[in-house]
Protein backbone atom coordinates (compact mmCIF):
# COMPACT_ATOMS: atom_id res chain seq x y z
CA UNK A 1 0.00 0.00 0.00
CA UNK A 2 1.60 3.26 -1.07
CA UNK A 3 1.87 6.26 1.21
CA UNK A 4 -0.55 8.25 -0.97
CA UNK A 5 -3.44 5.92 -0.16
CA UNK A 6 -2.51 4.96 3.42
CA UNK A 7 -5.80 5.50 5.24
CA UNK A 8 -5.02 4.40 8.80
CA UNK A 9 -4.52 6.68 11.79
CA UNK A 10 -1.29 4.97 12.72
CA UNK A 11 2.16 4.71 11.22
CA UNK A 12 2.93 1.24 12.58
CA UNK A 13 6.12 -0.70 12.36
CA UNK A 14 7.56 -1.15 8.93
CA UNK A 15 8.49 -4.72 7.97
CA UNK A 16 12.13 -3.66 7.85
CA UNK A 17 12.02 -2.62 11.55
CA UNK A 18 11.34 -6.12 12.84
CA UNK A 19 14.41 -7.28 14.79
CA UNK A 20 13.09 -10.73 15.69
CA UNK A 21 12.06 -12.80 12.64
CA UNK A 22 9.40 -14.53 14.76
CA UNK A 23 7.62 -11.15 15.11
CA UNK A 24 7.06 -10.62 11.38
CA UNK A 25 3.50 -9.49 10.77
CA UNK A 26 2.05 -9.60 7.27
CA UNK A 27 0.02 -6.40 7.70
CA UNK A 28 3.03 -4.16 8.30
CA UNK A 29 3.81 -1.96 5.31
CA UNK A 30 7.24 -1.76 3.75
CA UNK A 31 9.29 1.39 4.24
CA UNK A 32 9.74 1.28 0.46
CA UNK A 33 6.07 2.21 0.03
CA UNK A 34 6.79 5.49 1.87
CA UNK A 35 10.03 6.32 0.07
CA UNK A 36 9.19 8.94 -2.51
CA UNK A 37 12.16 10.98 -3.79
CA UNK A 38 11.73 14.69 -4.42
CA UNK A 39 8.22 14.91 -2.94
CA UNK A 40 9.06 17.44 -0.18
CA UNK A 41 11.08 20.60 -0.29
CA UNK A 42 13.70 21.01 2.46
CA UNK A 43 11.48 23.68 4.03
CA UNK A 44 8.45 21.37 4.13
CA UNK A 45 10.57 18.55 5.54
CA UNK A 46 11.83 20.85 8.32
CA UNK A 47 8.27 21.94 9.16
CA UNK A 48 7.21 18.30 9.38
CA UNK A 49 10.20 17.45 11.56
CA UNK A 50 9.32 20.27 13.95
CA UNK A 51 5.67 19.17 13.99
CA UNK A 52 6.57 15.58 14.86
CA UNK A 53 8.95 16.74 17.57
CA UNK A 54 6.16 18.85 19.08
CA UNK A 55 3.96 15.82 19.73
CA UNK A 56 3.87 14.26 23.22
CA UNK A 57 4.80 10.67 24.00
CA UNK A 58 2.01 8.24 24.74
CA UNK A 59 3.95 5.21 25.95
CA UNK A 60 7.52 3.88 25.91
CA UNK A 61 9.10 0.45 26.16
CA UNK A 62 12.34 -1.35 25.31
CA UNK A 63 11.03 -3.59 22.55
CA UNK A 64 13.84 -4.27 20.05
CA UNK A 65 13.51 -3.30 16.41
CA UNK A 66 15.69 -2.00 13.57
CA UNK A 67 15.91 1.36 11.87
CA UNK A 68 14.42 0.66 8.43
CA UNK A 69 16.94 2.95 6.72
CA UNK A 70 20.15 1.98 8.49
CA UNK A 71 19.37 -1.56 9.67
CA UNK A 72 20.80 -0.55 13.06
CA UNK A 73 19.22 -2.30 16.03
CA UNK A 74 17.28 0.02 18.37
CA UNK A 75 16.21 -0.82 21.90
CA UNK A 76 13.97 2.15 22.56
CA UNK A 77 10.39 2.26 21.44
CA UNK A 78 8.08 5.17 22.14
CA UNK A 79 4.80 6.12 20.60
CA UNK A 80 3.78 9.73 20.05
CA UNK A 81 0.56 11.40 18.95
CA UNK A 82 -0.80 14.67 17.68
CA UNK A 83 -4.30 13.61 18.73
CA UNK A 84 -4.96 12.31 15.23
CA UNK A 85 -2.21 9.81 14.43
CA UNK A 86 -0.04 7.49 16.51
CA UNK A 87 3.54 6.98 15.35
CA UNK A 88 6.72 5.55 16.81
CA UNK A 89 9.96 7.37 17.57
CA UNK A 90 11.74 6.17 14.44
CA UNK A 91 9.55 8.55 12.45
CA UNK A 92 11.67 11.34 13.96
CA UNK A 93 14.59 9.84 12.01
CA UNK A 94 12.71 8.88 8.86
CA UNK A 95 11.24 12.33 8.26
CA UNK A 96 14.82 13.64 7.95
CA UNK A 97 15.52 11.24 5.08
CA UNK A 98 15.26 12.98 1.70
CA UNK A 99 12.92 10.36 0.25
CA UNK A 100 10.50 9.60 3.10
CA UNK A 101 6.92 10.86 2.77
CA UNK A 102 4.05 10.87 5.24
CA UNK A 103 0.63 9.55 4.25
CA UNK A 104 -1.24 12.19 2.25
CA UNK A 105 -4.25 12.18 4.61
CA UNK A 106 -2.04 12.97 7.59
CA UNK A 107 -0.18 15.68 5.69
CA UNK A 108 -3.56 17.32 4.98
CA UNK A 109 -4.35 17.37 8.72
CA UNK A 110 -0.92 18.77 9.56
CA UNK A 111 -1.38 21.56 7.00
CA UNK A 112 -4.86 22.33 8.41
CA UNK A 113 -3.19 22.73 11.83
CA UNK A 114 -0.64 25.12 10.27
CA UNK A 115 2.17 22.71 11.17
CA UNK A 116 1.46 23.14 14.88
CA UNK A 117 0.28 20.12 16.88
CA UNK A 118 -0.87 22.59 19.52
CA UNK A 119 -0.51 22.28 23.23
CA UNK A 120 -1.72 18.87 24.23
CA UNK A 121 -0.82 16.38 26.90
CA UNK A 122 -1.58 12.73 27.38
CA UNK A 123 -3.68 11.73 30.36
CA UNK A 124 -1.40 8.95 31.62
CA UNK A 125 -4.12 7.39 33.74
CA UNK A 126 -6.37 6.94 30.73
CA UNK A 127 -3.59 5.87 28.38
CA UNK A 128 -2.06 3.30 30.74
CA UNK A 129 -4.85 1.74 32.77
CA UNK A 130 -6.70 0.10 29.88
CA UNK A 131 -9.70 2.43 30.24
CA UNK A 132 -9.30 2.77 26.50
CA UNK A 133 -7.10 0.97 24.04
CA UNK A 134 -5.33 3.79 22.22
CA UNK A 135 -3.78 1.24 19.88
CA UNK A 136 -7.21 0.62 18.37
CA UNK A 137 -6.18 3.68 16.35
CA UNK A 138 -3.95 1.26 14.42
CA UNK A 139 -7.00 -0.02 12.59
CA UNK A 140 -8.96 3.23 12.37
CA UNK A 141 -9.40 5.06 9.12
CA UNK A 142 -9.57 8.82 8.73
CA UNK A 143 -13.37 8.69 8.49
CA UNK A 144 -13.51 7.69 12.16
CA UNK A 145 -12.88 9.80 15.24
CA UNK A 146 -9.51 8.60 16.59
CA UNK A 147 -9.64 6.65 19.85
CA UNK A 148 -6.41 8.35 20.93
CA UNK A 149 -8.32 11.63 21.39
CA UNK A 150 -9.81 10.13 24.55
CA UNK A 151 -6.37 10.28 26.20
CA UNK A 152 -5.43 13.73 24.88
CA UNK A 153 -5.90 16.84 26.98
CA UNK A 154 -5.58 20.20 25.22
């Protein structure tokens, strides 16, 4: 599935990030589907980088995976959100790559927010005590209200 038609409110693991072959999951997209040379200007890429860095963390763990660009093993895993999308911390690296592109639907939302995720915090009690399952966002399309909003406080 190419980045242009990615319609889920989550940027999950890419197949190339899986460090343990037993963890391979057929539904993970390939990083290659999101590699689109010359799509973003350097200015747009910098705005996106700043946007992503302005999003709060939802949860962190030490699950091993690999950087899909470098193949380097990583032992930190954190998920972040802008209240619309959930993404992991490797996106902070990928967005700096000259050929990585975000899903078009998410880029539209980011532009509507003027590249500012806004002040928001995660209600840790809601996000961590299973009151809601914020990772249901993984399977949510853009037509649906994201579950992660239940844990976001603006």
